[in-house]
N, C-alpha and C. Protein backbone atom coordinates (compact mmCIF):
# COMPACT_ATOMS: atom_id res chain seq x y z
N MET A 1 0.85 -1.19 0.00
CA MET A 1 0.00 0.00 0.00
C MET A 1 0.88 1.24 0.00
N MET A 2 0.67 2.09 -0.95
CA MET A 2 1.47 3.31 -1.06
C MET A 2 0.87 4.39 -0.17
N LEU A 3 1.75 5.06 0.57
CA LEU A 3 1.32 6.13 1.47
C LEU A 3 1.54 7.47 0.78
N ASN A 4 0.47 8.22 0.62
CA ASN A 4 0.55 9.54 0.00
C ASN A 4 0.51 10.59 1.11
N PHE A 5 1.61 11.30 1.31
CA PHE A 5 1.70 12.27 2.40
C PHE A 5 0.82 13.49 2.16
N PHE A 6 0.37 13.68 0.93
CA PHE A 6 -0.44 14.86 0.62
C PHE A 6 -1.93 14.60 0.80
N ASP A 7 -2.29 13.38 1.18
CA ASP A 7 -3.71 13.08 1.42
C ASP A 7 -4.27 13.88 2.58
N GLN A 8 -3.40 14.29 3.52
CA GLN A 8 -3.88 15.03 4.68
C GLN A 8 -4.39 16.42 4.31
N PHE A 9 -4.04 16.90 3.11
CA PHE A 9 -4.46 18.23 2.69
C PHE A 9 -5.73 18.21 1.84
N LEU A 10 -6.29 17.01 1.60
CA LEU A 10 -7.54 16.90 0.87
C LEU A 10 -8.70 17.27 1.78
N THR A 11 -9.70 17.91 1.21
CA THR A 11 -10.86 18.30 2.01
C THR A 11 -11.59 17.06 2.49
N PRO A 12 -11.77 16.89 3.80
CA PRO A 12 -12.46 15.69 4.31
C PRO A 12 -13.94 15.70 3.96
N GLU A 13 -14.49 14.51 3.78
CA GLU A 13 -15.90 14.38 3.43
C GLU A 13 -16.56 13.31 4.30
N LEU A 14 -17.83 13.50 4.57
CA LEU A 14 -18.64 12.54 5.30
C LEU A 14 -19.91 12.32 4.51
N LEU A 15 -20.06 11.07 3.99
CA LEU A 15 -21.21 10.73 3.15
C LEU A 15 -21.29 11.66 1.93
N GLY A 16 -20.11 12.00 1.40
CA GLY A 16 -20.06 12.85 0.22
C GLY A 16 -20.22 14.33 0.50
N ILE A 17 -20.35 14.71 1.77
CA ILE A 17 -20.54 16.11 2.14
C ILE A 17 -19.22 16.69 2.62
N PRO A 18 -18.67 17.75 2.01
CA PRO A 18 -17.40 18.34 2.49
C PRO A 18 -17.55 18.89 3.90
N LEU A 19 -16.52 18.64 4.72
CA LEU A 19 -16.54 19.08 6.11
C LEU A 19 -15.70 20.33 6.33
N MET A 20 -15.24 20.97 5.24
CA MET A 20 -14.39 22.14 5.40
C MET A 20 -15.14 23.29 6.07
N LEU A 21 -16.45 23.40 5.79
CA LEU A 21 -17.23 24.48 6.39
C LEU A 21 -17.27 24.34 7.90
N ILE A 22 -17.38 23.11 8.40
CA ILE A 22 -17.38 22.88 9.85
C ILE A 22 -16.03 23.27 10.43
N ALA A 23 -14.95 22.90 9.74
CA ALA A 23 -13.61 23.24 10.22
C ALA A 23 -13.41 24.75 10.26
N MET A 24 -14.03 25.48 9.31
CA MET A 24 -13.88 26.94 9.27
C MET A 24 -14.74 27.62 10.34
N LEU A 25 -15.88 27.00 10.70
CA LEU A 25 -16.78 27.61 11.69
C LEU A 25 -16.39 27.27 13.12
N LEU A 26 -15.55 26.25 13.29
CA LEU A 26 -15.21 25.82 14.66
C LEU A 26 -14.55 26.92 15.49
N PRO A 27 -13.59 27.72 14.93
CA PRO A 27 -13.02 28.80 15.74
C PRO A 27 -14.06 29.81 16.21
N ALA A 28 -15.05 30.11 15.36
CA ALA A 28 -16.09 31.06 15.77
C ALA A 28 -16.94 30.49 16.90
N ILE A 29 -17.16 29.17 16.89
CA ILE A 29 -17.93 28.55 17.97
C ILE A 29 -17.15 28.59 19.28
N ILE A 30 -15.84 28.34 19.19
CA ILE A 30 -15.01 28.34 20.40
C ILE A 30 -14.89 29.74 20.98
N LEU A 31 -14.75 30.74 20.12
CA LEU A 31 -14.55 32.11 20.58
C LEU A 31 -15.85 32.86 20.83
N TYR A 32 -16.98 32.16 20.72
CA TYR A 32 -18.27 32.84 20.93
C TYR A 32 -18.33 33.36 22.36
N PRO A 33 -18.65 34.64 22.58
CA PRO A 33 -18.64 35.19 23.93
C PRO A 33 -19.68 34.53 24.82
N SER A 34 -19.28 34.27 26.05
CA SER A 34 -20.19 33.64 27.00
C SER A 34 -21.14 34.67 27.59
N SER A 35 -22.22 34.16 28.19
CA SER A 35 -23.25 35.04 28.77
C SER A 35 -23.03 35.27 30.26
N ARG A 36 -21.85 34.94 30.75
CA ARG A 36 -21.57 35.13 32.17
C ARG A 36 -21.48 36.61 32.50
N LEU A 37 -22.07 36.99 33.64
CA LEU A 37 -21.99 38.37 34.08
C LEU A 37 -20.61 38.68 34.64
N LEU A 38 -20.05 37.73 35.39
CA LEU A 38 -18.72 37.89 35.96
C LEU A 38 -17.73 37.06 35.15
N PRO A 39 -16.66 37.67 34.65
CA PRO A 39 -15.71 36.92 33.83
C PRO A 39 -14.92 35.91 34.66
N ASN A 40 -14.64 34.75 34.05
CA ASN A 40 -13.78 33.77 34.70
C ASN A 40 -12.34 34.00 34.27
N ARG A 41 -11.44 33.12 34.68
CA ARG A 41 -10.03 33.33 34.37
C ARG A 41 -9.76 33.24 32.87
N THR A 42 -10.47 32.34 32.20
CA THR A 42 -10.26 32.18 30.76
C THR A 42 -10.65 33.45 30.00
N SER A 43 -11.84 33.98 30.29
CA SER A 43 -12.27 35.19 29.58
C SER A 43 -11.43 36.40 29.96
N ALA A 44 -10.98 36.46 31.23
CA ALA A 44 -10.12 37.57 31.65
C ALA A 44 -8.76 37.51 30.93
N THR A 45 -8.21 36.30 30.80
CA THR A 45 -6.95 36.14 30.07
C THR A 45 -7.12 36.50 28.60
N LYS A 46 -8.25 36.10 28.02
CA LYS A 46 -8.53 36.41 26.63
C LYS A 46 -8.62 37.92 26.41
N MET A 47 -9.30 38.62 27.31
CA MET A 47 -9.43 40.07 27.18
C MET A 47 -8.08 40.76 27.35
N TRP A 48 -7.25 40.24 28.27
CA TRP A 48 -5.92 40.81 28.47
C TRP A 48 -5.06 40.66 27.22
N LEU A 49 -5.10 39.48 26.59
CA LEU A 49 -4.34 39.26 25.37
C LEU A 49 -4.85 40.14 24.23
N MET A 50 -6.17 40.28 24.14
CA MET A 50 -6.75 41.11 23.08
C MET A 50 -6.34 42.57 23.25
N ASN A 51 -6.38 43.08 24.47
CA ASN A 51 -6.01 44.48 24.71
C ASN A 51 -4.54 44.73 24.39
N ASN A 52 -3.67 43.82 24.81
CA ASN A 52 -2.25 44.00 24.52
C ASN A 52 -1.97 43.93 23.02
N PHE A 53 -2.63 43.01 22.35
CA PHE A 53 -2.43 42.87 20.90
C PHE A 53 -2.89 44.12 20.16
N ILE A 54 -4.05 44.63 20.54
CA ILE A 54 -4.59 45.82 19.88
C ILE A 54 -3.71 47.03 20.14
N LYS A 55 -3.22 47.19 21.37
CA LYS A 55 -2.35 48.33 21.69
C LYS A 55 -1.09 48.30 20.85
N GLN A 56 -0.48 47.11 20.72
CA GLN A 56 0.75 47.00 19.95
C GLN A 56 0.51 47.21 18.47
N LEU A 57 -0.62 46.70 17.97
CA LEU A 57 -0.90 46.78 16.54
C LEU A 57 -1.33 48.18 16.12
N MET A 58 -2.07 48.88 16.98
CA MET A 58 -2.61 50.18 16.63
C MET A 58 -1.67 51.34 16.95
N ALA A 59 -0.55 51.06 17.63
CA ALA A 59 0.36 52.13 18.05
C ALA A 59 0.87 52.96 16.88
N PRO A 60 1.34 52.34 15.76
CA PRO A 60 1.87 53.17 14.67
C PRO A 60 0.80 53.74 13.74
N LEU A 61 -0.47 53.40 13.95
CA LEU A 61 -1.53 53.85 13.04
C LEU A 61 -2.19 55.11 13.57
N ASN A 62 -2.76 55.91 12.66
CA ASN A 62 -3.49 57.10 13.07
C ASN A 62 -4.95 56.73 13.38
N LYS A 63 -5.78 57.73 13.60
CA LYS A 63 -7.16 57.46 14.00
C LYS A 63 -7.95 56.74 12.92
N THR A 64 -7.65 57.01 11.66
CA THR A 64 -8.33 56.30 10.58
C THR A 64 -8.02 54.81 10.61
N GLY A 65 -6.78 54.48 10.90
CA GLY A 65 -6.40 53.08 10.99
C GLY A 65 -6.99 52.37 12.19
N HIS A 66 -7.32 53.12 13.25
CA HIS A 66 -7.90 52.51 14.44
C HIS A 66 -9.27 51.91 14.16
N ASN A 67 -9.94 52.35 13.09
CA ASN A 67 -11.23 51.76 12.74
C ASN A 67 -11.10 50.31 12.31
N TRP A 68 -9.88 49.89 12.00
CA TRP A 68 -9.64 48.51 11.56
C TRP A 68 -9.32 47.58 12.72
N ALA A 69 -9.38 48.06 13.95
CA ALA A 69 -8.97 47.25 15.10
C ALA A 69 -9.78 45.96 15.20
N ALA A 70 -11.11 46.06 15.08
CA ALA A 70 -11.96 44.88 15.22
C ALA A 70 -11.70 43.88 14.09
N ILE A 71 -11.51 44.40 12.86
CA ILE A 71 -11.28 43.50 11.72
C ILE A 71 -9.97 42.74 11.88
N LEU A 72 -8.90 43.46 12.21
CA LEU A 72 -7.59 42.82 12.35
C LEU A 72 -7.58 41.83 13.52
N LEU A 73 -8.24 42.19 14.61
CA LEU A 73 -8.29 41.29 15.76
C LEU A 73 -9.07 40.02 15.41
N THR A 74 -10.16 40.16 14.67
CA THR A 74 -10.95 38.99 14.28
C THR A 74 -10.15 38.07 13.37
N VAL A 75 -9.45 38.64 12.39
CA VAL A 75 -8.64 37.84 11.48
C VAL A 75 -7.52 37.14 12.25
N MET A 76 -6.91 37.84 13.19
CA MET A 76 -5.83 37.27 13.98
C MET A 76 -6.30 36.06 14.78
N TYR A 77 -7.40 36.19 15.49
CA TYR A 77 -7.89 35.09 16.31
C TYR A 77 -8.43 33.95 15.45
N TYR A 78 -9.03 34.28 14.34
CA TYR A 78 -9.54 33.25 13.45
C TYR A 78 -8.41 32.38 12.89
N LEU A 79 -7.36 33.04 12.37
CA LEU A 79 -6.22 32.29 11.85
C LEU A 79 -5.50 31.52 12.96
N LEU A 80 -5.38 32.14 14.13
CA LEU A 80 -4.70 31.49 15.24
C LEU A 80 -5.41 30.20 15.65
N MET A 81 -6.73 30.26 15.79
CA MET A 81 -7.48 29.10 16.21
C MET A 81 -7.48 28.01 15.14
N ILE A 82 -7.61 28.39 13.88
CA ILE A 82 -7.58 27.39 12.80
C ILE A 82 -6.22 26.69 12.74
N ASN A 83 -5.14 27.48 12.86
CA ASN A 83 -3.80 26.89 12.80
C ASN A 83 -3.55 25.93 13.97
N LEU A 84 -3.97 26.33 15.17
CA LEU A 84 -3.74 25.48 16.35
C LEU A 84 -4.63 24.25 16.33
N LEU A 85 -5.89 24.40 15.94
CA LEU A 85 -6.78 23.24 15.88
C LEU A 85 -6.31 22.24 14.82
N GLY A 86 -5.66 22.71 13.78
CA GLY A 86 -5.16 21.82 12.74
C GLY A 86 -4.01 20.95 13.19
N LEU A 87 -3.40 21.24 14.34
CA LEU A 87 -2.31 20.42 14.86
C LEU A 87 -2.82 19.24 15.68
N LEU A 88 -4.11 19.21 15.98
CA LEU A 88 -4.68 18.08 16.72
C LEU A 88 -4.76 16.86 15.81
N PRO A 89 -4.67 15.64 16.38
CA PRO A 89 -4.77 14.43 15.54
C PRO A 89 -6.15 14.31 14.88
N TYR A 90 -6.14 13.78 13.68
CA TYR A 90 -7.36 13.50 12.91
C TYR A 90 -8.19 14.77 12.67
N THR A 91 -7.51 15.87 12.44
CA THR A 91 -8.18 17.13 12.13
C THR A 91 -7.72 17.62 10.77
N PHE A 92 -8.38 18.66 10.29
CA PHE A 92 -8.08 19.24 8.99
C PHE A 92 -7.77 20.72 9.17
N THR A 93 -6.73 21.21 8.51
CA THR A 93 -6.32 22.61 8.62
C THR A 93 -6.73 23.36 7.36
N PRO A 94 -7.78 24.17 7.41
CA PRO A 94 -8.21 24.90 6.20
C PRO A 94 -7.15 25.86 5.68
N THR A 95 -6.27 26.37 6.55
CA THR A 95 -5.27 27.34 6.10
C THR A 95 -4.12 26.70 5.33
N THR A 96 -4.13 25.38 5.14
CA THR A 96 -3.19 24.76 4.21
C THR A 96 -3.69 24.84 2.78
N GLN A 97 -4.92 25.36 2.60
CA GLN A 97 -5.49 25.53 1.26
C GLN A 97 -5.22 26.96 0.78
N LEU A 98 -4.56 27.08 -0.36
CA LEU A 98 -4.22 28.40 -0.89
C LEU A 98 -5.48 29.20 -1.22
N SER A 99 -6.54 28.52 -1.61
CA SER A 99 -7.78 29.22 -1.97
C SER A 99 -8.35 30.00 -0.79
N LEU A 100 -8.32 29.39 0.40
CA LEU A 100 -8.84 30.07 1.58
C LEU A 100 -7.96 31.26 1.95
N ASN A 101 -6.65 31.06 1.94
CA ASN A 101 -5.74 32.14 2.32
C ASN A 101 -5.81 33.31 1.35
N MET A 102 -5.95 33.01 0.05
CA MET A 102 -6.07 34.09 -0.92
C MET A 102 -7.41 34.80 -0.79
N SER A 103 -8.45 34.07 -0.41
CA SER A 103 -9.76 34.72 -0.23
C SER A 103 -9.76 35.64 0.98
N LEU A 104 -8.83 35.45 1.89
CA LEU A 104 -8.65 36.39 3.00
C LEU A 104 -7.71 37.53 2.61
N ALA A 105 -6.61 37.18 1.93
CA ALA A 105 -5.56 38.17 1.66
C ALA A 105 -6.00 39.21 0.63
N VAL A 106 -6.61 38.76 -0.46
CA VAL A 106 -6.92 39.69 -1.55
C VAL A 106 -7.94 40.76 -1.13
N PRO A 107 -9.09 40.41 -0.53
CA PRO A 107 -10.04 41.48 -0.15
C PRO A 107 -9.48 42.44 0.89
N LEU A 108 -8.74 41.92 1.87
CA LEU A 108 -8.19 42.80 2.90
C LEU A 108 -7.12 43.72 2.33
N TRP A 109 -6.25 43.18 1.49
CA TRP A 109 -5.23 44.03 0.84
C TRP A 109 -5.90 45.08 -0.04
N LEU A 110 -6.90 44.68 -0.82
CA LEU A 110 -7.59 45.61 -1.70
C LEU A 110 -8.29 46.70 -0.89
N ALA A 111 -8.83 46.34 0.26
CA ALA A 111 -9.48 47.35 1.10
C ALA A 111 -8.49 48.39 1.59
N THR A 112 -7.27 47.97 1.97
CA THR A 112 -6.26 48.94 2.41
C THR A 112 -5.87 49.87 1.27
N VAL A 113 -5.77 49.34 0.05
CA VAL A 113 -5.43 50.18 -1.11
C VAL A 113 -6.54 51.19 -1.39
N LEU A 114 -7.78 50.73 -1.35
CA LEU A 114 -8.91 51.63 -1.62
C LEU A 114 -9.05 52.70 -0.56
N VAL A 115 -8.73 52.36 0.70
CA VAL A 115 -8.76 53.36 1.77
C VAL A 115 -7.76 54.47 1.46
N GLY A 116 -6.56 54.10 1.00
CA GLY A 116 -5.57 55.11 0.66
C GLY A 116 -5.96 55.95 -0.53
N LEU A 117 -6.48 55.30 -1.59
CA LEU A 117 -6.88 56.05 -2.78
C LEU A 117 -8.05 56.99 -2.50
N ARG A 118 -8.90 56.61 -1.56
CA ARG A 118 -10.05 57.46 -1.24
C ARG A 118 -9.65 58.60 -0.30
N GLY A 119 -8.83 58.30 0.70
CA GLY A 119 -8.51 59.30 1.71
C GLY A 119 -7.40 60.25 1.33
N GLN A 120 -6.35 59.69 0.71
CA GLN A 120 -5.20 60.52 0.33
C GLN A 120 -4.64 59.99 -1.01
N PRO A 121 -5.33 60.27 -2.10
CA PRO A 121 -4.92 59.71 -3.40
C PRO A 121 -3.53 60.17 -3.84
N THR A 122 -3.18 61.42 -3.56
CA THR A 122 -1.88 61.92 -4.01
C THR A 122 -0.74 61.17 -3.34
N ILE A 123 -0.84 61.00 -2.03
CA ILE A 123 0.22 60.30 -1.29
C ILE A 123 0.28 58.83 -1.70
N SER A 124 -0.88 58.21 -1.89
CA SER A 124 -0.90 56.80 -2.28
C SER A 124 -0.27 56.58 -3.65
N LEU A 125 -0.57 57.46 -4.59
CA LEU A 125 0.00 57.33 -5.93
C LEU A 125 1.48 57.72 -5.97
N SER A 126 1.91 58.55 -5.00
CA SER A 126 3.32 58.94 -4.97
C SER A 126 4.24 57.79 -4.62
N HIS A 127 3.69 56.71 -4.04
CA HIS A 127 4.52 55.54 -3.72
C HIS A 127 5.04 54.86 -4.98
N PHE A 128 4.36 55.08 -6.11
CA PHE A 128 4.80 54.47 -7.36
C PHE A 128 6.04 55.16 -7.93
N LEU A 129 6.30 56.39 -7.49
CA LEU A 129 7.43 57.14 -8.06
C LEU A 129 8.12 57.94 -6.95
N PRO A 130 9.24 57.42 -6.42
CA PRO A 130 9.97 58.15 -5.36
C PRO A 130 10.45 59.52 -5.84
N THR A 131 10.59 60.42 -4.90
CA THR A 131 11.04 61.78 -5.22
C THR A 131 12.49 61.77 -5.72
N GLY A 132 12.76 62.56 -6.73
CA GLY A 132 14.12 62.67 -7.26
C GLY A 132 14.51 61.58 -8.23
N THR A 133 13.54 60.84 -8.74
CA THR A 133 13.84 59.76 -9.70
C THR A 133 14.27 60.35 -11.04
N PRO A 134 15.38 59.89 -11.62
CA PRO A 134 15.78 60.39 -12.95
C PRO A 134 14.70 60.08 -13.99
N THR A 135 14.55 60.98 -14.94
CA THR A 135 13.48 60.85 -15.95
C THR A 135 13.55 59.54 -16.73
N PRO A 136 14.72 59.06 -17.17
CA PRO A 136 14.73 57.78 -17.93
C PRO A 136 14.24 56.59 -17.11
N LEU A 137 14.36 56.65 -15.78
CA LEU A 137 13.98 55.51 -14.95
C LEU A 137 12.51 55.54 -14.52
N ILE A 138 11.80 56.61 -14.85
CA ILE A 138 10.41 56.74 -14.38
C ILE A 138 9.52 55.59 -14.87
N PRO A 139 9.51 55.25 -16.17
CA PRO A 139 8.63 54.13 -16.60
C PRO A 139 8.98 52.80 -15.93
N ILE A 140 10.29 52.54 -15.79
CA ILE A 140 10.72 51.27 -15.21
C ILE A 140 10.29 51.18 -13.74
N LEU A 141 10.49 52.27 -12.99
CA LEU A 141 10.14 52.26 -11.57
C LEU A 141 8.63 52.12 -11.37
N ILE A 142 7.86 52.76 -12.23
CA ILE A 142 6.40 52.64 -12.10
C ILE A 142 5.96 51.20 -12.32
N ILE A 143 6.57 50.54 -13.32
CA ILE A 143 6.24 49.13 -13.58
C ILE A 143 6.64 48.25 -12.41
N ILE A 144 7.85 48.49 -11.85
CA ILE A 144 8.34 47.68 -10.73
C ILE A 144 7.47 47.87 -9.50
N GLU A 145 7.12 49.11 -9.19
CA GLU A 145 6.29 49.38 -8.02
C GLU A 145 4.88 48.82 -8.19
N THR A 146 4.36 48.85 -9.41
CA THR A 146 3.03 48.27 -9.67
C THR A 146 3.05 46.76 -9.45
N ILE A 147 4.10 46.10 -9.96
CA ILE A 147 4.22 44.65 -9.78
C ILE A 147 4.36 44.30 -8.30
N SER A 148 5.18 45.07 -7.59
CA SER A 148 5.37 44.79 -6.16
C SER A 148 4.08 44.99 -5.37
N LEU A 149 3.26 45.95 -5.80
CA LEU A 149 1.99 46.18 -5.13
C LEU A 149 1.05 45.00 -5.31
N PHE A 150 0.96 44.48 -6.53
CA PHE A 150 0.04 43.38 -6.80
C PHE A 150 0.57 42.03 -6.31
N ILE A 151 1.86 41.96 -5.98
CA ILE A 151 2.42 40.72 -5.45
C ILE A 151 2.10 40.57 -3.96
N ARG A 152 1.78 41.67 -3.28
CA ARG A 152 1.56 41.63 -1.84
C ARG A 152 0.51 40.62 -1.39
N PRO A 153 -0.69 40.62 -1.97
CA PRO A 153 -1.67 39.62 -1.51
C PRO A 153 -1.24 38.19 -1.81
N LEU A 154 -0.54 38.00 -2.94
CA LEU A 154 -0.03 36.67 -3.26
C LEU A 154 0.99 36.21 -2.22
N ALA A 155 1.85 37.15 -1.81
CA ALA A 155 2.84 36.81 -0.78
C ALA A 155 2.18 36.48 0.55
N LEU A 156 1.12 37.21 0.90
CA LEU A 156 0.40 36.92 2.14
C LEU A 156 -0.16 35.51 2.14
N GLY A 157 -0.86 35.15 1.06
CA GLY A 157 -1.48 33.83 1.01
C GLY A 157 -0.48 32.70 0.89
N VAL A 158 0.52 32.86 0.02
CA VAL A 158 1.50 31.79 -0.20
C VAL A 158 2.36 31.57 1.04
N ARG A 159 2.74 32.64 1.75
CA ARG A 159 3.56 32.50 2.95
C ARG A 159 2.84 31.64 3.99
N LEU A 160 1.57 31.96 4.24
CA LEU A 160 0.81 31.20 5.23
C LEU A 160 0.64 29.74 4.80
N THR A 161 0.30 29.53 3.54
CA THR A 161 0.11 28.16 3.04
C THR A 161 1.39 27.35 3.09
N ALA A 162 2.49 27.93 2.62
CA ALA A 162 3.75 27.20 2.53
C ALA A 162 4.28 26.82 3.91
N ASN A 163 4.23 27.72 4.86
CA ASN A 163 4.75 27.43 6.19
C ASN A 163 3.96 26.33 6.89
N LEU A 164 2.64 26.38 6.80
CA LEU A 164 1.83 25.37 7.47
C LEU A 164 1.92 24.02 6.75
N THR A 165 1.94 24.04 5.42
CA THR A 165 2.04 22.79 4.66
C THR A 165 3.37 22.10 4.93
N ALA A 166 4.46 22.86 4.94
CA ALA A 166 5.78 22.28 5.20
C ALA A 166 5.85 21.68 6.59
N GLY A 167 5.29 22.36 7.58
CA GLY A 167 5.31 21.83 8.94
C GLY A 167 4.51 20.55 9.08
N HIS A 168 3.34 20.50 8.47
CA HIS A 168 2.51 19.29 8.54
C HIS A 168 3.18 18.12 7.84
N LEU A 169 3.80 18.37 6.69
CA LEU A 169 4.50 17.30 5.97
C LEU A 169 5.66 16.76 6.79
N LEU A 170 6.43 17.66 7.39
CA LEU A 170 7.57 17.23 8.19
C LEU A 170 7.14 16.42 9.40
N MET A 171 6.06 16.83 10.06
CA MET A 171 5.55 16.07 11.20
C MET A 171 5.08 14.68 10.77
N GLN A 172 4.44 14.56 9.62
CA GLN A 172 3.98 13.26 9.16
C GLN A 172 5.15 12.36 8.77
N LEU A 173 6.17 12.95 8.15
CA LEU A 173 7.35 12.16 7.79
C LEU A 173 8.03 11.59 9.04
N ILE A 174 8.22 12.43 10.05
CA ILE A 174 8.91 11.98 11.26
C ILE A 174 8.06 10.98 12.04
N SER A 175 6.75 11.21 12.10
CA SER A 175 5.88 10.26 12.81
C SER A 175 5.85 8.91 12.10
N THR A 176 5.85 8.93 10.77
CA THR A 176 5.90 7.67 10.02
C THR A 176 7.21 6.94 10.26
N ALA A 177 8.32 7.67 10.27
CA ALA A 177 9.63 7.06 10.56
C ALA A 177 9.67 6.48 11.96
N THR A 178 9.03 7.15 12.93
CA THR A 178 9.00 6.64 14.31
C THR A 178 8.28 5.30 14.38
N LEU A 179 7.15 5.18 13.70
CA LEU A 179 6.39 3.92 13.73
C LEU A 179 7.12 2.80 13.00
N ILE A 180 7.76 3.12 11.88
CA ILE A 180 8.47 2.09 11.11
C ILE A 180 9.70 1.60 11.85
N LEU A 181 10.40 2.50 12.56
CA LEU A 181 11.63 2.12 13.27
C LEU A 181 11.37 1.44 14.60
N ALA A 182 10.13 1.52 15.12
CA ALA A 182 9.84 0.97 16.45
C ALA A 182 10.19 -0.52 16.56
N PRO A 183 9.75 -1.41 15.64
CA PRO A 183 10.12 -2.83 15.80
C PRO A 183 11.53 -3.15 15.35
N LEU A 184 12.15 -2.30 14.55
CA LEU A 184 13.47 -2.57 14.01
C LEU A 184 14.58 -2.03 14.90
N MET A 185 14.50 -0.76 15.23
CA MET A 185 15.51 -0.09 16.06
C MET A 185 14.81 0.75 17.12
N PRO A 186 14.46 0.15 18.25
CA PRO A 186 13.69 0.88 19.28
C PRO A 186 14.38 2.13 19.79
N THR A 187 15.69 2.07 19.96
CA THR A 187 16.41 3.24 20.48
C THR A 187 16.30 4.43 19.52
N LEU A 188 16.53 4.15 18.25
CA LEU A 188 16.42 5.21 17.24
C LEU A 188 14.98 5.70 17.13
N SER A 189 14.03 4.79 17.32
CA SER A 189 12.62 5.19 17.27
C SER A 189 12.27 6.15 18.41
N ILE A 190 12.85 5.89 19.59
CA ILE A 190 12.59 6.78 20.73
C ILE A 190 13.18 8.15 20.48
N LEU A 191 14.40 8.18 19.93
CA LEU A 191 15.01 9.48 19.61
C LEU A 191 14.20 10.24 18.56
N THR A 192 13.68 9.50 17.58
CA THR A 192 12.83 10.13 16.56
C THR A 192 11.55 10.66 17.18
N GLY A 193 10.99 9.91 18.15
CA GLY A 193 9.78 10.37 18.84
C GLY A 193 10.03 11.65 19.63
N VAL A 194 11.21 11.73 20.27
CA VAL A 194 11.56 12.96 20.99
C VAL A 194 11.67 14.13 20.01
N LEU A 195 12.27 13.87 18.85
CA LEU A 195 12.37 14.90 17.82
C LEU A 195 10.98 15.35 17.36
N LEU A 196 10.06 14.39 17.29
CA LEU A 196 8.69 14.71 16.89
C LEU A 196 8.03 15.62 17.92
N LEU A 197 8.25 15.34 19.20
CA LEU A 197 7.69 16.20 20.25
C LEU A 197 8.25 17.62 20.16
N LEU A 198 9.56 17.73 19.93
CA LEU A 198 10.17 19.06 19.79
C LEU A 198 9.63 19.78 18.56
N LEU A 199 9.43 19.03 17.48
CA LEU A 199 8.89 19.63 16.26
C LEU A 199 7.44 20.08 16.47
N THR A 200 6.69 19.32 17.26
CA THR A 200 5.31 19.72 17.56
C THR A 200 5.27 21.05 18.30
N GLY A 201 6.17 21.21 19.27
CA GLY A 201 6.27 22.49 19.96
C GLY A 201 6.64 23.62 19.02
N LEU A 202 7.55 23.33 18.09
CA LEU A 202 7.94 24.34 17.11
C LEU A 202 6.77 24.70 16.20
N GLU A 203 5.98 23.71 15.81
CA GLU A 203 4.84 23.97 14.94
C GLU A 203 3.76 24.78 15.65
N ILE A 204 3.61 24.59 16.94
CA ILE A 204 2.67 25.42 17.70
C ILE A 204 3.12 26.88 17.65
N ALA A 205 4.43 27.09 17.82
CA ALA A 205 4.95 28.46 17.73
C ALA A 205 4.78 29.02 16.32
N VAL A 206 5.02 28.19 15.29
CA VAL A 206 4.86 28.64 13.90
C VAL A 206 3.41 29.01 13.62
N ALA A 207 2.46 28.22 14.15
CA ALA A 207 1.04 28.50 13.93
C ALA A 207 0.67 29.86 14.50
N MET A 208 1.19 30.19 15.68
CA MET A 208 0.89 31.49 16.29
C MET A 208 1.61 32.62 15.56
N ILE A 209 2.87 32.38 15.20
CA ILE A 209 3.66 33.43 14.54
C ILE A 209 3.09 33.76 13.16
N GLN A 210 2.66 32.74 12.41
CA GLN A 210 2.14 33.00 11.07
C GLN A 210 0.84 33.78 11.11
N ALA A 211 -0.01 33.51 12.09
CA ALA A 211 -1.24 34.30 12.23
C ALA A 211 -0.90 35.75 12.56
N TYR A 212 0.09 35.94 13.43
CA TYR A 212 0.50 37.30 13.80
C TYR A 212 1.14 38.03 12.63
N VAL A 213 2.00 37.33 11.87
CA VAL A 213 2.68 37.96 10.73
C VAL A 213 1.67 38.37 9.66
N PHE A 214 0.66 37.54 9.43
CA PHE A 214 -0.38 37.87 8.44
C PHE A 214 -1.05 39.20 8.79
N VAL A 215 -1.45 39.33 10.05
CA VAL A 215 -2.14 40.55 10.47
C VAL A 215 -1.17 41.73 10.55
N LEU A 216 0.07 41.48 10.96
CA LEU A 216 1.06 42.55 11.06
C LEU A 216 1.34 43.16 9.68
N LEU A 217 1.48 42.32 8.66
CA LEU A 217 1.71 42.84 7.31
C LEU A 217 0.50 43.63 6.81
N LEU A 218 -0.70 43.17 7.16
CA LEU A 218 -1.89 43.94 6.79
C LEU A 218 -1.88 45.32 7.45
N SER A 219 -1.46 45.36 8.72
CA SER A 219 -1.41 46.66 9.41
C SER A 219 -0.35 47.56 8.80
N LEU A 220 0.75 46.98 8.30
CA LEU A 220 1.78 47.80 7.64
C LEU A 220 1.25 48.35 6.31
N TYR A 221 0.51 47.53 5.57
CA TYR A 221 -0.10 48.03 4.34
C TYR A 221 -1.10 49.13 4.65
N LEU A 222 -1.83 48.95 5.74
CA LEU A 222 -2.81 49.98 6.14
C LEU A 222 -2.10 51.25 6.56
N GLN A 223 -0.96 51.12 7.24
CA GLN A 223 -0.21 52.29 7.69
C GLN A 223 0.29 53.10 6.48
N GLU A 224 0.68 52.41 5.42
CA GLU A 224 1.12 53.11 4.21
C GLU A 224 0.02 53.96 3.61
N ASN A 225 -1.23 53.50 3.72
CA ASN A 225 -2.34 54.16 3.03
C ASN A 225 -3.18 55.04 3.93
N THR A 226 -2.79 55.20 5.18
CA THR A 226 -3.54 56.10 6.07
C THR A 226 -2.63 57.15 6.67
């Protein structure tokens, strides 16, 4: 029987029904605010983390950018929960699909560009041509800056997809090697299992960092246009 390591990235189905929608809605169910009048330790910790994150993210932005606080916070927690839940056994990670990541990256990036063109069109368009550019280089620089602008959403989506896909593949490779080596070389299998535990801890950090980097880059794009 041939083992295909990429089968884990296929959309799971139950009775022919795709389960990706359930995987995408699970973070919203977990983060749904409780109806408790007095907060418990979990909700208090959550509020503390949210306040610190918002303060750090909104510090370099002006008042116009502060209107994006709720959107950026929602995207951050949504990606964070999806990435972490995808590390559990027998689960599916929607953020390993480029289609989902691009459907998040493109509209958000386009919204930051439109905010700049609407609020300060002159400054936004001046990014295409730095001050003091020699006349012969003007067409070339405009083309380069235009390409770099349209590459941004692609970089957002591909970065998130590539990092999570690589981590999941590496974890599956090492776990498969651990099981195969167990009856043949138990000592080496134990060492491989320890490596797998260390890699799992690293992947947890990567899942959190990638969610933060996604939102941080969006805030930088927003800072340019506000």
